[in-house]
Amino acid sequence: MLAVITSVLMGACSSEKAESGPGERNEVVATALARVEADLGKPVKLDVKTFKSADDWALVDGQLQDTGGSAPSRYEGLLRKTGPKWTILESVIGSTDAQWVGWKSKYPEAPAQIWP
């Protein structure tokens, strides 16, 4: 399982638009991926298209694909670091709309730099 997560994280790094160090980015993506896999009940890959973070907040937008190669599904997640851990505040799988637009007004304390 660790090898799968590591390979997914390494693959995701190449297509990200990041504003943080790789360690933080990997922690955020691993947190999001763990929740997605638990929700779906199967391992998946997360190809991160957009990653933005600032002041212990992070926004992730990417494509999910299961290991069997089924059609990709969109993922969006808003996370916040509390103490040493990242917590998912909001996430959605399969939406065709930009969910972050609603999250921006719901979380006015989030730094402007994380929004696309």
C-alpha atoms as a PDB file:
ATOM      1  CA  MET A   1       0.000   0.000   0.000  1.00  0.00           C
ATOM      2  CA  LEU A   2       2.857   2.397   0.830  1.00  0.00           C
ATOM      3  CA  ALA A   3       4.386   1.751  -2.587  1.00  0.00           C
ATOM      4  CA  VAL A   4       1.071   2.560  -4.292  1.00  0.00           C
ATOM      5  CA  ILE A   5       0.649   5.814  -2.349  1.00  0.00           C
ATOM      6  CA  THR A   6       4.261   6.799  -3.017  1.00  0.00           C
ATOM      7  CA  SER A   7       3.939   6.172  -6.757  1.00  0.00           C
ATOM      8  CA  VAL A   8       0.666   8.120  -6.895  1.00  0.00           C
ATOM      9  CA  LEU A   9       2.187  11.033  -5.015  1.00  0.00           C
ATOM     10  CA  MET A  10       5.246  11.095  -7.240  1.00  0.00           C
ATOM     11  CA  GLY A  11       3.088  11.004 -10.362  1.00  0.00           C
ATOM     12  CA  ALA A  12       0.834  13.735  -9.015  1.00  0.00           C
ATOM     13  CA  CYS A  13       3.749  16.041  -8.323  1.00  0.00           C
ATOM     14  CA  SER A  14       4.671  16.395 -11.980  1.00  0.00           C
ATOM     15  CA  SER A  15       1.407  18.050 -12.993  1.00  0.00           C
ATOM     16  CA  GLU A  16       0.772  20.265  -9.986  1.00  0.00           C
ATOM     17  CA  LYS A  17       0.786  24.016  -9.728  1.00  0.00           C
ATOM     18  CA  ALA A  18       2.188  24.311  -6.226  1.00  0.00           C
ATOM     19  CA  GLU A  19       2.885  27.123  -3.837  1.00  0.00           C
ATOM     20  CA  SER A  20       4.439  25.038  -1.079  1.00  0.00           C
ATOM     21  CA  GLY A  21       7.240  22.604  -0.466  1.00  0.00           C
ATOM     22  CA  PRO A  22       7.033  19.006  -1.637  1.00  0.00           C
ATOM     23  CA  GLY A  23       6.701  17.614   1.902  1.00  0.00           C
ATOM     24  CA  GLU A  24       3.598  19.647   2.635  1.00  0.00           C
ATOM     25  CA  ARG A  25       2.133  18.930  -0.797  1.00  0.00           C
ATOM     26  CA  ASN A  26       2.660  15.195  -0.309  1.00  0.00           C
ATOM     27  CA  GLU A  27       0.987  15.313   3.119  1.00  0.00           C
ATOM     28  CA  VAL A  28      -2.076  17.094   1.718  1.00  0.00           C
ATOM     29  CA  VAL A  29      -2.402  14.752  -1.263  1.00  0.00           C
ATOM     30  CA  ALA A  30      -1.928  11.666   0.947  1.00  0.00           C
ATOM     31  CA  THR A  31      -4.661  12.897   3.319  1.00  0.00           C
ATOM     32  CA  ALA A  32      -7.060  13.506   0.424  1.00  0.00           C
ATOM     33  CA  LEU A  33      -6.223  10.191  -1.244  1.00  0.00           C
ATOM     34  CA  ALA A  34      -6.738   8.200   1.974  1.00  0.00           C
ATOM     35  CA  ARG A  35     -10.252   9.659   2.365  1.00  0.00           C
ATOM     36  CA  VAL A  36     -11.143   9.031  -1.285  1.00  0.00           C
ATOM     37  CA  GLU A  37      -9.984   5.419  -1.122  1.00  0.00           C
ATOM     38  CA  ALA A  38     -11.926   4.872   2.109  1.00  0.00           C
ATOM     39  CA  ASP A  39     -15.065   6.419   0.571  1.00  0.00           C
ATOM     40  CA  LEU A  40     -14.782   4.426  -2.660  1.00  0.00           C
ATOM     41  CA  GLY A  41     -13.558   1.220  -1.038  1.00  0.00           C
ATOM     42  CA  LYS A  42     -10.780   0.707  -3.568  1.00  0.00           C
ATOM     43  CA  PRO A  43      -7.346   2.091  -4.449  1.00  0.00           C
ATOM     44  CA  VAL A  44      -7.270   5.000  -6.887  1.00  0.00           C
ATOM     45  CA  LYS A  45      -4.787   7.378  -8.461  1.00  0.00           C
ATOM     46  CA  LEU A  46      -5.083  11.124  -8.001  1.00  0.00           C
ATOM     47  CA  ASP A  47      -3.639  13.177 -10.843  1.00  0.00           C
ATOM     48  CA  VAL A  48      -3.455  16.617  -9.254  1.00  0.00           C
ATOM     49  CA  LYS A  49      -4.097  19.413 -11.743  1.00  0.00           C
ATOM     50  CA  THR A  50      -4.102  22.309  -9.274  1.00  0.00           C
ATOM     51  CA  PHE A  51      -2.576  22.500  -5.811  1.00  0.00           C
ATOM     52  CA  LYS A  52      -2.490  25.752  -3.888  1.00  0.00           C
ATOM     53  CA  SER A  53      -1.610  26.328  -0.254  1.00  0.00           C
ATOM     54  CA  ALA A  54      -0.998  29.200   2.127  1.00  0.00           C
ATOM     55  CA  ASP A  55      -1.158  29.736   5.889  1.00  0.00           C
ATOM     56  CA  ASP A  56      -2.064  26.102   6.724  1.00  0.00           C
ATOM     57  CA  TRP A  57      -4.838  25.953   4.093  1.00  0.00           C
ATOM     58  CA  ALA A  58      -4.763  23.925   0.869  1.00  0.00           C
ATOM     59  CA  LEU A  59      -6.943  23.431  -2.196  1.00  0.00           C
ATOM     60  CA  VAL A  60      -6.583  20.328  -4.380  1.00  0.00           C
ATOM     61  CA  ASP A  61      -8.235  19.805  -7.765  1.00  0.00           C
ATOM     62  CA  GLY A  62      -7.512  16.764  -9.891  1.00  0.00           C
ATOM     63  CA  GLN A  63      -8.675  13.616 -11.642  1.00  0.00           C
ATOM     64  CA  LEU A  64      -9.291  10.254  -9.981  1.00  0.00           C
ATOM     65  CA  GLN A  65      -8.788   6.999 -11.834  1.00  0.00           C
ATOM     66  CA  ASP A  66      -8.971   3.517 -10.413  1.00  0.00           C
ATOM     67  CA  THR A  67      -6.127   1.072 -10.963  1.00  0.00           C
ATOM     68  CA  GLY A  68      -8.201  -0.747 -13.582  1.00  0.00           C
ATOM     69  CA  GLY A  69      -8.104   2.355 -15.778  1.00  0.00           C
ATOM     70  CA  SER A  70     -11.790   3.244 -15.610  1.00  0.00           C
ATOM     71  CA  ALA A  71     -12.907   6.700 -16.729  1.00  0.00           C
ATOM     72  CA  PRO A  72     -11.530   9.516 -14.598  1.00  0.00           C
ATOM     73  CA  SER A  73     -13.661  11.443 -12.151  1.00  0.00           C
ATOM     74  CA  ARG A  74     -12.969  14.925 -10.818  1.00  0.00           C
ATOM     75  CA  TYR A  75     -11.888  15.488  -7.221  1.00  0.00           C
ATOM     76  CA  GLU A  76     -11.834  18.758  -5.306  1.00  0.00           C
ATOM     77  CA  GLY A  77     -10.789  19.160  -1.700  1.00  0.00           C
ATOM     78  CA  LEU A  78     -10.265  21.945   0.821  1.00  0.00           C
ATOM     79  CA  LEU A  79      -7.967  21.103   3.707  1.00  0.00           C
ATOM     80  CA  ARG A  80      -6.647  22.909   6.767  1.00  0.00           C
ATOM     81  CA  LYS A  81      -3.714  22.032   8.971  1.00  0.00           C
ATOM     82  CA  THR A  82      -4.471  21.896  12.674  1.00  0.00           C
ATOM     83  CA  GLY A  83      -1.481  20.941  14.744  1.00  0.00           C
ATOM     84  CA  PRO A  84       0.652  18.421  12.859  1.00  0.00           C
ATOM     85  CA  LYS A  85      -2.197  16.966  10.757  1.00  0.00           C
ATOM     86  CA  TRP A  86      -4.146  18.040   7.689  1.00  0.00           C
ATOM     87  CA  THR A  87      -7.933  17.838   8.006  1.00  0.00           C
ATOM     88  CA  ILE A  88     -10.372  17.704   5.114  1.00  0.00           C
ATOM     89  CA  LEU A  89     -12.946  20.458   5.536  1.00  0.00           C
ATOM     90  CA  GLU A  90     -14.718  19.877   2.228  1.00  0.00           C
ATOM     91  CA  SER A  91     -14.342  17.390  -0.601  1.00  0.00           C
ATOM     92  CA  VAL A  92     -16.322  16.219  -3.582  1.00  0.00           C
ATOM     93  CA  ILE A  93     -15.931  13.433  -6.123  1.00  0.00           C
ATOM     94  CA  GLY A  94     -17.435  13.588  -9.582  1.00  0.00           C
ATOM     95  CA  SER A  95     -18.662  17.163  -9.651  1.00  0.00           C
ATOM     96  CA  THR A  96     -18.628  18.990 -12.968  1.00  0.00           C
ATOM     97  CA  ASP A  97     -18.899  22.402 -11.277  1.00  0.00           C
ATOM     98  CA  ALA A  98     -16.152  24.279  -9.441  1.00  0.00           C
ATOM     99  CA  GLN A  99     -17.133  23.511  -5.844  1.00  0.00           C
ATOM    100  CA  TRP A 100     -14.429  25.811  -4.478  1.00  0.00           C
ATOM    101  CA  VAL A 101     -16.561  28.819  -5.448  1.00  0.00           C
ATOM    102  CA  GLY A 102     -19.016  27.979  -2.674  1.00  0.00           C
ATOM    103  CA  TRP A 103     -16.233  27.067  -0.279  1.00  0.00           C
ATOM    104  CA  LYS A 104     -14.652  30.492  -0.790  1.00  0.00           C
ATOM    105  CA  SER A 105     -17.702  32.209   0.685  1.00  0.00           C
ATOM    106  CA  LYS A 106     -18.204  29.529   3.356  1.00  0.00           C
ATOM    107  CA  TYR A 107     -14.607  29.928   4.616  1.00  0.00           C
ATOM    108  CA  PRO A 108     -13.854  33.676   4.404  1.00  0.00           C
ATOM    109  CA  GLU A 109     -10.888  33.189   6.758  1.00  0.00           C
ATOM    110  CA  ALA A 110      -9.070  31.095   4.132  1.00  0.00           C
ATOM    111  CA  PRO A 111      -6.244  33.025   2.447  1.00  0.00           C
ATOM    112  CA  ALA A 112      -7.027  34.466  -0.976  1.00  0.00           C
ATOM    113  CA  GLN A 113      -3.902  32.800  -2.459  1.00  0.00           C
ATOM    114  CA  ILE A 114      -5.448  29.319  -2.367  1.00  0.00           C
ATOM    115  CA  TRP A 115      -8.344  30.132  -4.671  1.00  0.00           C
ATOM    116  CA  PRO A 116      -7.880  29.747  -8.447  1.00  0.00           C
END
